Amino acid sequence: MYFKRNQKNNSLININQMQLSDTNALKESLAELNGRTNEYGVVLTVKQVNRLAEAVKGALRESDRVEIGAGILPVLADEFSRSIFVDQENYAVLLEELVYIFFQVKTAVCDRISDNDLVRLLKDYYENKAMGSVEIMRERDIDILVKYVETELGQSNVSVGDVYETESYTDERS
């Protein structure tokens, strides 16, 4: 179910003509966040912030979404900066991938999970199931995340582990 990045636009509104997010608010928020994330050994350069702002626009365009204010990226950056698998070398690339994954899951589950809950769920998968591999998350876990959210909404006694223990799940790291 990994959503391919394509340029096809099926929306009723021409999303290419809209301002998809507040780029200035995003950049200011990320620069401000550097003060806190520095204690975890990760900061974003101006070049990385600019690239991430473009990635957000691309992810929003692909998912036919808009954001108000700084959006979800500062929340992702704040949460993932504390991960044991994140360092200065992979921080910006990870955030770029997470933006796409975040909007893919949000779209697939029709916004039936809050942004903050999804961020926490993504971090849990990243650290405990994908063992710090965004590639595994992107290629394998999007379907599992979607299934978990859909199942969780229908049955409150289902855990993330239950979804991983189904017959359709195979650990590709083995």
N, C-alpha and C. Protein backbone atom coordinates (compact mmCIF):
# COMPACT_ATOMS: atom_id res chain seq x y z
N MET A 1 0.81 -1.18 0.00
CA MET A 1 0.00 0.00 0.00
C MET A 1 0.86 1.26 0.00
N TYR A 2 2.15 1.15 -0.13
CA TYR A 2 3.00 2.32 -0.14
C TYR A 2 2.56 3.22 -1.28
N PHE A 3 2.24 4.44 -0.95
CA PHE A 3 1.72 5.38 -1.92
C PHE A 3 2.86 5.92 -2.76
N LYS A 4 2.72 5.78 -4.05
CA LYS A 4 3.74 6.27 -4.96
C LYS A 4 3.65 7.79 -5.05
N ARG A 5 4.79 8.42 -5.16
CA ARG A 5 4.83 9.86 -5.32
C ARG A 5 4.57 10.16 -6.79
N ASN A 6 3.40 10.68 -7.09
CA ASN A 6 3.09 11.01 -8.47
C ASN A 6 2.54 12.41 -8.56
N GLN A 7 2.39 12.90 -9.76
CA GLN A 7 1.94 14.26 -9.98
C GLN A 7 0.46 14.33 -10.34
N LYS A 8 -0.23 13.21 -10.35
CA LYS A 8 -1.64 13.19 -10.71
C LYS A 8 -2.45 13.92 -9.64
N ASN A 9 -3.33 14.81 -10.08
CA ASN A 9 -4.12 15.61 -9.15
C ASN A 9 -5.59 15.32 -9.39
N ASN A 10 -6.22 14.64 -8.45
CA ASN A 10 -7.63 14.29 -8.56
C ASN A 10 -8.51 15.14 -7.66
N SER A 11 -7.99 16.20 -7.09
CA SER A 11 -8.77 16.97 -6.14
C SER A 11 -9.70 17.94 -6.85
N LEU A 12 -10.75 18.35 -6.16
CA LEU A 12 -11.69 19.32 -6.68
C LEU A 12 -11.09 20.72 -6.71
N ILE A 13 -10.17 20.97 -5.80
CA ILE A 13 -9.50 22.26 -5.71
C ILE A 13 -8.13 22.10 -6.35
N ASN A 14 -7.70 23.09 -7.11
CA ASN A 14 -6.37 23.03 -7.70
C ASN A 14 -5.35 23.34 -6.62
N ILE A 15 -4.83 22.31 -6.04
CA ILE A 15 -3.93 22.43 -4.89
C ILE A 15 -2.61 23.10 -5.28
N ASN A 16 -2.25 23.04 -6.55
CA ASN A 16 -1.00 23.66 -6.99
C ASN A 16 -1.06 25.18 -6.92
N GLN A 17 -2.25 25.74 -6.89
CA GLN A 17 -2.40 27.19 -6.82
C GLN A 17 -2.56 27.70 -5.39
N MET A 18 -2.61 26.80 -4.45
CA MET A 18 -2.79 27.19 -3.05
C MET A 18 -1.45 27.25 -2.33
N GLN A 19 -1.39 28.06 -1.30
CA GLN A 19 -0.24 28.00 -0.41
C GLN A 19 -0.53 26.87 0.55
N LEU A 20 0.28 25.81 0.49
CA LEU A 20 -0.01 24.60 1.23
C LEU A 20 0.32 24.68 2.71
N SER A 21 1.27 25.50 3.05
CA SER A 21 1.65 25.66 4.45
C SER A 21 2.29 27.04 4.62
N ASP A 22 2.43 27.45 5.85
CA ASP A 22 3.08 28.71 6.15
C ASP A 22 4.57 28.45 6.29
N THR A 23 5.29 28.62 5.20
CA THR A 23 6.72 28.30 5.16
C THR A 23 7.51 29.11 6.17
N ASN A 24 7.20 30.37 6.32
CA ASN A 24 7.93 31.21 7.28
C ASN A 24 7.72 30.72 8.71
N ALA A 25 6.47 30.39 9.05
CA ALA A 25 6.19 29.88 10.40
C ALA A 25 6.91 28.56 10.63
N LEU A 26 6.95 27.70 9.62
CA LEU A 26 7.65 26.43 9.73
C LEU A 26 9.14 26.65 9.97
N LYS A 27 9.74 27.50 9.17
CA LYS A 27 11.18 27.75 9.30
C LYS A 27 11.51 28.36 10.67
N GLU A 28 10.70 29.30 11.11
CA GLU A 28 10.93 29.92 12.43
C GLU A 28 10.79 28.89 13.54
N SER A 29 9.79 28.05 13.44
CA SER A 29 9.56 27.02 14.45
C SER A 29 10.72 26.03 14.52
N LEU A 30 11.21 25.61 13.35
CA LEU A 30 12.35 24.67 13.32
C LEU A 30 13.62 25.32 13.86
N ALA A 31 13.85 26.58 13.52
CA ALA A 31 15.02 27.29 14.04
C ALA A 31 14.94 27.41 15.56
N GLU A 32 13.75 27.73 16.06
CA GLU A 32 13.53 27.81 17.50
C GLU A 32 13.74 26.46 18.18
N LEU A 33 13.30 25.42 17.52
CA LEU A 33 13.41 24.06 18.07
C LEU A 33 14.86 23.62 18.20
N ASN A 34 15.75 24.15 17.37
CA ASN A 34 17.17 23.81 17.45
C ASN A 34 17.73 24.02 18.85
N GLY A 35 17.22 25.02 19.54
CA GLY A 35 17.69 25.28 20.91
C GLY A 35 17.44 24.10 21.83
N ARG A 36 16.29 23.43 21.66
CA ARG A 36 15.96 22.27 22.49
C ARG A 36 16.62 20.99 21.98
N THR A 37 16.63 20.80 20.67
CA THR A 37 17.17 19.55 20.14
C THR A 37 18.69 19.49 20.22
N ASN A 38 19.31 20.63 20.38
CA ASN A 38 20.77 20.68 20.51
C ASN A 38 21.25 19.82 21.68
N GLU A 39 20.46 19.75 22.75
CA GLU A 39 20.86 18.94 23.91
C GLU A 39 20.88 17.45 23.58
N TYR A 40 20.21 17.06 22.50
CA TYR A 40 20.23 15.66 22.06
C TYR A 40 21.24 15.44 20.93
N GLY A 41 21.99 16.48 20.61
CA GLY A 41 23.04 16.37 19.61
C GLY A 41 22.57 16.51 18.18
N VAL A 42 21.38 17.06 17.96
CA VAL A 42 20.88 17.24 16.60
C VAL A 42 20.35 18.66 16.42
N VAL A 43 20.74 19.27 15.33
CA VAL A 43 20.24 20.58 14.94
C VAL A 43 20.09 20.59 13.42
N LEU A 44 19.26 21.49 12.95
CA LEU A 44 19.05 21.63 11.51
C LEU A 44 19.75 22.89 11.02
N THR A 45 20.47 22.78 9.91
CA THR A 45 21.09 23.93 9.29
C THR A 45 20.04 24.70 8.50
N VAL A 46 20.37 25.90 8.08
CA VAL A 46 19.44 26.70 7.27
C VAL A 46 19.12 25.95 5.97
N LYS A 47 20.13 25.35 5.36
CA LYS A 47 19.91 24.59 4.13
C LYS A 47 18.95 23.42 4.37
N GLN A 48 19.12 22.71 5.47
CA GLN A 48 18.24 21.58 5.80
C GLN A 48 16.81 22.06 6.07
N VAL A 49 16.68 23.17 6.77
CA VAL A 49 15.35 23.72 7.04
C VAL A 49 14.65 24.07 5.74
N ASN A 50 15.37 24.71 4.82
CA ASN A 50 14.79 25.05 3.51
C ASN A 50 14.37 23.80 2.75
N ARG A 51 15.22 22.79 2.77
CA ARG A 51 14.89 21.54 2.08
C ARG A 51 13.66 20.86 2.72
N LEU A 52 13.60 20.89 4.04
CA LEU A 52 12.45 20.30 4.73
C LEU A 52 11.16 21.06 4.43
N ALA A 53 11.26 22.38 4.31
CA ALA A 53 10.07 23.17 3.96
C ALA A 53 9.57 22.76 2.57
N GLU A 54 10.48 22.51 1.65
CA GLU A 54 10.09 22.04 0.31
C GLU A 54 9.51 20.63 0.38
N ALA A 55 10.06 19.79 1.23
CA ALA A 55 9.54 18.42 1.39
C ALA A 55 8.12 18.46 1.94
N VAL A 56 7.86 19.34 2.88
CA VAL A 56 6.51 19.47 3.42
C VAL A 56 5.54 19.87 2.32
N LYS A 57 5.95 20.85 1.51
CA LYS A 57 5.08 21.27 0.39
C LYS A 57 4.81 20.11 -0.55
N GLY A 58 5.84 19.33 -0.85
CA GLY A 58 5.67 18.18 -1.74
C GLY A 58 4.74 17.13 -1.14
N ALA A 59 4.93 16.84 0.13
CA ALA A 59 4.09 15.84 0.80
C ALA A 59 2.63 16.31 0.87
N LEU A 60 2.44 17.58 1.13
CA LEU A 60 1.08 18.12 1.17
C LEU A 60 0.44 18.08 -0.21
N ARG A 61 1.21 18.43 -1.22
CA ARG A 61 0.69 18.41 -2.59
C ARG A 61 0.29 17.00 -2.99
N GLU A 62 1.13 16.02 -2.68
CA GLU A 62 0.85 14.63 -3.04
C GLU A 62 -0.36 14.07 -2.32
N SER A 63 -0.59 14.53 -1.11
CA SER A 63 -1.71 14.01 -0.33
C SER A 63 -2.94 14.92 -0.39
N ASP A 64 -2.88 15.95 -1.22
CA ASP A 64 -3.98 16.91 -1.36
C ASP A 64 -4.40 17.48 -0.01
N ARG A 65 -3.41 17.95 0.75
CA ARG A 65 -3.66 18.49 2.09
C ARG A 65 -3.10 19.90 2.19
N VAL A 66 -3.55 20.60 3.19
CA VAL A 66 -3.00 21.90 3.55
C VAL A 66 -2.73 21.88 5.05
N GLU A 67 -1.83 22.75 5.48
CA GLU A 67 -1.54 22.90 6.90
C GLU A 67 -1.65 24.37 7.28
N ILE A 68 -2.02 24.60 8.50
CA ILE A 68 -2.10 25.96 9.02
C ILE A 68 -0.93 26.16 9.97
N GLY A 69 -0.28 27.28 9.86
CA GLY A 69 0.85 27.58 10.74
C GLY A 69 2.07 26.74 10.39
N ALA A 70 2.83 26.40 11.40
CA ALA A 70 4.07 25.65 11.20
C ALA A 70 3.82 24.20 10.81
N GLY A 71 2.66 23.66 11.15
CA GLY A 71 2.31 22.30 10.75
C GLY A 71 2.90 21.23 11.64
N ILE A 72 3.00 20.03 11.09
CA ILE A 72 3.38 18.85 11.87
C ILE A 72 4.90 18.64 11.98
N LEU A 73 5.67 19.18 11.07
CA LEU A 73 7.11 18.91 11.07
C LEU A 73 7.80 19.28 12.38
N PRO A 74 7.54 20.43 12.99
CA PRO A 74 8.18 20.70 14.28
C PRO A 74 7.81 19.69 15.36
N VAL A 75 6.60 19.18 15.32
CA VAL A 75 6.18 18.16 16.29
C VAL A 75 6.98 16.88 16.05
N LEU A 76 7.11 16.48 14.78
CA LEU A 76 7.92 15.30 14.44
C LEU A 76 9.38 15.51 14.86
N ALA A 77 9.91 16.68 14.56
CA ALA A 77 11.31 16.97 14.89
C ALA A 77 11.54 16.91 16.39
N ASP A 78 10.64 17.49 17.14
CA ASP A 78 10.78 17.49 18.60
C ASP A 78 10.72 16.07 19.15
N GLU A 79 9.77 15.29 18.70
CA GLU A 79 9.60 13.92 19.20
C GLU A 79 10.77 13.01 18.79
N PHE A 80 11.17 13.06 17.54
CA PHE A 80 12.20 12.14 17.05
C PHE A 80 13.61 12.57 17.41
N SER A 81 13.81 13.82 17.80
CA SER A 81 15.16 14.27 18.18
C SER A 81 15.66 13.50 19.39
N ARG A 82 14.74 12.95 20.18
CA ARG A 82 15.11 12.22 21.41
C ARG A 82 15.31 10.73 21.18
N SER A 83 15.14 10.28 19.96
CA SER A 83 15.27 8.85 19.67
C SER A 83 16.73 8.41 19.78
N ILE A 84 16.92 7.20 20.29
CA ILE A 84 18.27 6.66 20.40
C ILE A 84 18.87 6.37 19.03
N PHE A 85 18.05 6.29 18.00
CA PHE A 85 18.52 5.98 16.65
C PHE A 85 18.82 7.22 15.81
N VAL A 86 18.59 8.40 16.36
CA VAL A 86 18.76 9.64 15.60
C VAL A 86 20.08 10.30 15.99
N ASP A 87 20.81 10.70 14.96
CA ASP A 87 22.02 11.48 15.18
C ASP A 87 22.07 12.60 14.14
N GLN A 88 23.08 13.43 14.23
CA GLN A 88 23.18 14.58 13.34
C GLN A 88 23.19 14.18 11.87
N GLU A 89 23.78 13.05 11.56
CA GLU A 89 23.89 12.61 10.16
C GLU A 89 22.56 12.22 9.55
N ASN A 90 21.68 11.60 10.32
CA ASN A 90 20.43 11.11 9.72
C ASN A 90 19.20 11.94 10.08
N TYR A 91 19.34 12.94 10.91
CA TYR A 91 18.21 13.70 11.44
C TYR A 91 17.35 14.35 10.34
N ALA A 92 17.95 15.14 9.47
CA ALA A 92 17.19 15.86 8.44
C ALA A 92 16.55 14.90 7.44
N VAL A 93 17.29 13.88 7.04
CA VAL A 93 16.76 12.90 6.08
C VAL A 93 15.59 12.14 6.70
N LEU A 94 15.73 11.77 7.96
CA LEU A 94 14.65 11.08 8.67
C LEU A 94 13.40 11.95 8.71
N LEU A 95 13.55 13.22 9.05
CA LEU A 95 12.39 14.11 9.11
C LEU A 95 11.70 14.24 7.76
N GLU A 96 12.49 14.30 6.72
CA GLU A 96 11.92 14.39 5.37
C GLU A 96 11.08 13.15 5.05
N GLU A 97 11.61 11.99 5.36
CA GLU A 97 10.87 10.74 5.13
C GLU A 97 9.62 10.67 6.01
N LEU A 98 9.76 11.09 7.26
CA LEU A 98 8.64 11.02 8.20
C LEU A 98 7.47 11.90 7.77
N VAL A 99 7.77 13.04 7.17
CA VAL A 99 6.70 13.92 6.69
C VAL A 99 5.84 13.18 5.66
N TYR A 100 6.49 12.51 4.73
CA TYR A 100 5.74 11.76 3.71
C TYR A 100 4.95 10.61 4.35
N ILE A 101 5.59 9.88 5.25
CA ILE A 101 4.92 8.76 5.92
C ILE A 101 3.73 9.26 6.73
N PHE A 102 3.93 10.35 7.45
CA PHE A 102 2.87 10.90 8.27
C PHE A 102 1.62 11.19 7.43
N PHE A 103 1.80 11.91 6.33
CA PHE A 103 0.64 12.27 5.51
C PHE A 103 0.05 11.07 4.77
N GLN A 104 0.87 10.09 4.44
CA GLN A 104 0.34 8.88 3.81
C GLN A 104 -0.59 8.15 4.76
N VAL A 105 -0.16 8.00 6.00
CA VAL A 105 -0.99 7.31 6.99
C VAL A 105 -2.24 8.13 7.29
N LYS A 106 -2.09 9.44 7.52
CA LYS A 106 -3.25 10.29 7.80
C LYS A 106 -4.29 10.18 6.70
N THR A 107 -3.84 10.20 5.46
CA THR A 107 -4.76 10.10 4.33
C THR A 107 -5.40 8.72 4.27
N ALA A 108 -4.62 7.69 4.47
CA ALA A 108 -5.13 6.31 4.37
C ALA A 108 -6.19 6.01 5.43
N VAL A 109 -6.06 6.62 6.60
CA VAL A 109 -7.03 6.36 7.68
C VAL A 109 -8.07 7.47 7.78
N CYS A 110 -8.11 8.32 6.79
CA CYS A 110 -9.12 9.40 6.72
C CYS A 110 -9.14 10.26 7.98
N ASP A 111 -7.97 10.59 8.49
CA ASP A 111 -7.83 11.47 9.65
C ASP A 111 -8.50 10.96 10.92
N ARG A 112 -8.64 9.65 11.05
CA ARG A 112 -9.30 9.09 12.24
C ARG A 112 -8.36 8.95 13.44
N ILE A 113 -7.17 9.51 13.35
CA ILE A 113 -6.24 9.52 14.46
C ILE A 113 -5.70 10.95 14.57
N SER A 114 -5.52 11.41 15.79
CA SER A 114 -5.01 12.77 15.98
C SER A 114 -3.56 12.84 15.54
N ASP A 115 -3.12 14.03 15.22
CA ASP A 115 -1.74 14.23 14.80
C ASP A 115 -0.76 13.77 15.88
N ASN A 116 -1.01 14.17 17.12
CA ASN A 116 -0.10 13.82 18.20
C ASN A 116 -0.07 12.32 18.45
N ASP A 117 -1.23 11.67 18.38
CA ASP A 117 -1.26 10.21 18.55
C ASP A 117 -0.50 9.52 17.43
N LEU A 118 -0.65 10.02 16.21
CA LEU A 118 0.07 9.41 15.09
C LEU A 118 1.57 9.62 15.22
N VAL A 119 1.99 10.77 15.66
CA VAL A 119 3.43 11.02 15.87
C VAL A 119 3.99 10.05 16.90
N ARG A 120 3.27 9.87 18.01
CA ARG A 120 3.73 8.92 19.03
C ARG A 120 3.76 7.49 18.49
N LEU A 121 2.76 7.13 17.71
CA LEU A 121 2.71 5.80 17.12
C LEU A 121 3.86 5.60 16.13
N LEU A 122 4.14 6.61 15.32
CA LEU A 122 5.27 6.52 14.39
C LEU A 122 6.59 6.35 15.14
N LYS A 123 6.76 7.08 16.21
CA LYS A 123 8.00 6.95 16.98
C LYS A 123 8.10 5.56 17.60
N ASP A 124 6.99 5.04 18.12
CA ASP A 124 7.00 3.70 18.68
C ASP A 124 7.41 2.67 17.62
N TYR A 125 6.83 2.77 16.45
CA TYR A 125 7.20 1.85 15.37
C TYR A 125 8.67 2.01 14.99
N TYR A 126 9.10 3.24 14.87
CA TYR A 126 10.49 3.52 14.47
C TYR A 126 11.48 2.90 15.45
N GLU A 127 11.22 3.08 16.73
CA GLU A 127 12.17 2.61 17.74
C GLU A 127 12.01 1.14 18.09
N ASN A 128 10.78 0.64 18.15
CA ASN A 128 10.55 -0.70 18.69
C ASN A 128 10.27 -1.77 17.65
N LYS A 129 9.82 -1.40 16.49
CA LYS A 129 9.52 -2.39 15.46
C LYS A 129 10.49 -2.32 14.28
N ALA A 130 10.79 -1.09 13.85
CA ALA A 130 11.69 -0.92 12.71
C ALA A 130 13.15 -0.76 13.17
N MET A 131 13.35 -0.70 14.47
CA MET A 131 14.69 -0.59 15.06
C MET A 131 15.53 0.51 14.41
N GLY A 132 14.89 1.67 14.22
CA GLY A 132 15.60 2.83 13.70
C GLY A 132 15.74 2.87 12.19
N SER A 133 14.99 2.06 11.49
CA SER A 133 15.08 2.04 10.03
C SER A 133 13.84 2.68 9.41
N VAL A 134 14.01 3.87 8.87
CA VAL A 134 12.90 4.53 8.20
C VAL A 134 12.52 3.79 6.92
N GLU A 135 13.49 3.09 6.33
CA GLU A 135 13.20 2.31 5.12
C GLU A 135 12.21 1.18 5.43
N ILE A 136 12.41 0.52 6.55
CA ILE A 136 11.47 -0.54 6.96
C ILE A 136 10.10 0.06 7.22
N MET A 137 10.08 1.20 7.89
CA MET A 137 8.79 1.85 8.14
C MET A 137 8.09 2.18 6.82
N ARG A 138 8.84 2.75 5.90
CA ARG A 138 8.26 3.19 4.63
C ARG A 138 7.78 2.00 3.80
N GLU A 139 8.56 0.95 3.75
CA GLU A 139 8.26 -0.16 2.85
C GLU A 139 7.35 -1.22 3.47
N ARG A 140 7.39 -1.36 4.79
CA ARG A 140 6.62 -2.41 5.43
C ARG A 140 5.56 -1.89 6.38
N ASP A 141 5.89 -0.92 7.16
CA ASP A 141 5.05 -0.56 8.29
C ASP A 141 3.89 0.36 7.99
N ILE A 142 3.88 1.01 6.84
CA ILE A 142 2.74 1.88 6.54
C ILE A 142 1.46 1.06 6.53
N ASP A 143 1.48 -0.09 5.87
CA ASP A 143 0.29 -0.95 5.85
C ASP A 143 -0.09 -1.40 7.25
N ILE A 144 0.90 -1.75 8.06
CA ILE A 144 0.64 -2.21 9.41
C ILE A 144 0.09 -1.07 10.27
N LEU A 145 0.66 0.12 10.11
CA LEU A 145 0.16 1.28 10.84
C LEU A 145 -1.29 1.58 10.49
N VAL A 146 -1.59 1.53 9.21
CA VAL A 146 -2.97 1.79 8.77
C VAL A 146 -3.91 0.73 9.34
N LYS A 147 -3.50 -0.52 9.25
CA LYS A 147 -4.33 -1.60 9.78
C LYS A 147 -4.54 -1.44 11.28
N TYR A 148 -3.48 -1.08 11.99
CA TYR A 148 -3.59 -0.88 13.43
C TYR A 148 -4.57 0.25 13.76
N VAL A 149 -4.44 1.37 13.08
CA VAL A 149 -5.34 2.50 13.36
C VAL A 149 -6.78 2.11 13.06
N GLU A 150 -7.00 1.46 11.93
CA GLU A 150 -8.36 1.05 11.58
C GLU A 150 -8.91 0.04 12.58
N THR A 151 -8.08 -0.90 13.01
CA THR A 151 -8.50 -1.91 13.97
C THR A 151 -8.72 -1.29 15.34
N GLU A 152 -7.82 -0.42 15.74
CA GLU A 152 -7.90 0.24 17.04
C GLU A 152 -9.20 1.01 17.17
N LEU A 153 -9.63 1.63 16.10
CA LEU A 153 -10.86 2.40 16.15
C LEU A 153 -12.08 1.50 16.29
N GLY A 154 -11.95 0.26 15.81
CA GLY A 154 -13.07 -0.67 15.90
C GLY A 154 -13.05 -1.50 17.17
N GLN A 155 -11.85 -1.78 17.69
CA GLN A 155 -11.71 -2.63 18.88
C GLN A 155 -10.66 -2.02 19.79
N SER A 156 -11.03 -1.67 20.97
CA SER A 156 -10.08 -1.00 21.86
C SER A 156 -9.11 -1.96 22.53
N ASN A 157 -9.29 -3.27 22.36
CA ASN A 157 -8.39 -4.22 23.03
C ASN A 157 -7.29 -4.75 22.11
N VAL A 158 -7.10 -4.16 20.94
CA VAL A 158 -6.07 -4.60 20.01
C VAL A 158 -4.82 -3.75 20.24
N SER A 159 -3.66 -4.38 20.32
CA SER A 159 -2.41 -3.65 20.51
C SER A 159 -1.57 -3.70 19.24
N VAL A 160 -0.57 -2.85 19.20
CA VAL A 160 0.34 -2.83 18.06
C VAL A 160 0.97 -4.21 17.87
N GLY A 161 1.32 -4.86 18.96
CA GLY A 161 1.91 -6.19 18.88
C GLY A 161 0.99 -7.20 18.24
N ASP A 162 -0.30 -7.09 18.50
CA ASP A 162 -1.27 -8.01 17.89
C ASP A 162 -1.24 -7.90 16.37
N VAL A 163 -1.11 -6.70 15.86
CA VAL A 163 -1.07 -6.52 14.41
C VAL A 163 0.18 -7.15 13.83
N TYR A 164 1.30 -7.05 14.53
CA TYR A 164 2.55 -7.65 14.07
C TYR A 164 2.51 -9.18 14.13
N GLU A 165 1.67 -9.73 14.95
CA GLU A 165 1.63 -11.18 15.11
C GLU A 165 0.66 -11.86 14.15
N THR A 166 0.07 -11.11 13.23
CA THR A 166 -0.83 -11.71 12.25
C THR A 166 -0.03 -12.49 11.23
N GLU A 167 -0.69 -13.36 10.49
CA GLU A 167 -0.01 -14.18 9.49
C GLU A 167 0.58 -13.35 8.36
N SER A 168 -0.01 -12.18 8.07
CA SER A 168 0.47 -11.38 6.94
C SER A 168 1.76 -10.64 7.23
N TYR A 169 2.17 -10.59 8.50
CA TYR A 169 3.39 -9.88 8.85
C TYR A 169 4.58 -10.82 8.84
N THR A 170 5.63 -10.40 8.17
CA THR A 170 6.89 -11.13 8.23
C THR A 170 7.99 -10.12 8.50
N ASP A 171 8.87 -10.46 9.39
CA ASP A 171 9.98 -9.57 9.74
C ASP A 171 11.05 -9.69 8.68
N GLU A 172 11.25 -8.63 7.92
CA GLU A 172 12.21 -8.64 6.82
C GLU A 172 13.64 -8.56 7.30
N ARG A 173 13.85 -8.25 8.57
CA ARG A 173 15.21 -8.14 9.09
C ARG A 173 15.81 -9.49 9.41
N SER A 174 14.99 -10.51 9.49
CA SER A 174 15.48 -11.84 9.86
C SER A 174 16.21 -12.51 8.72
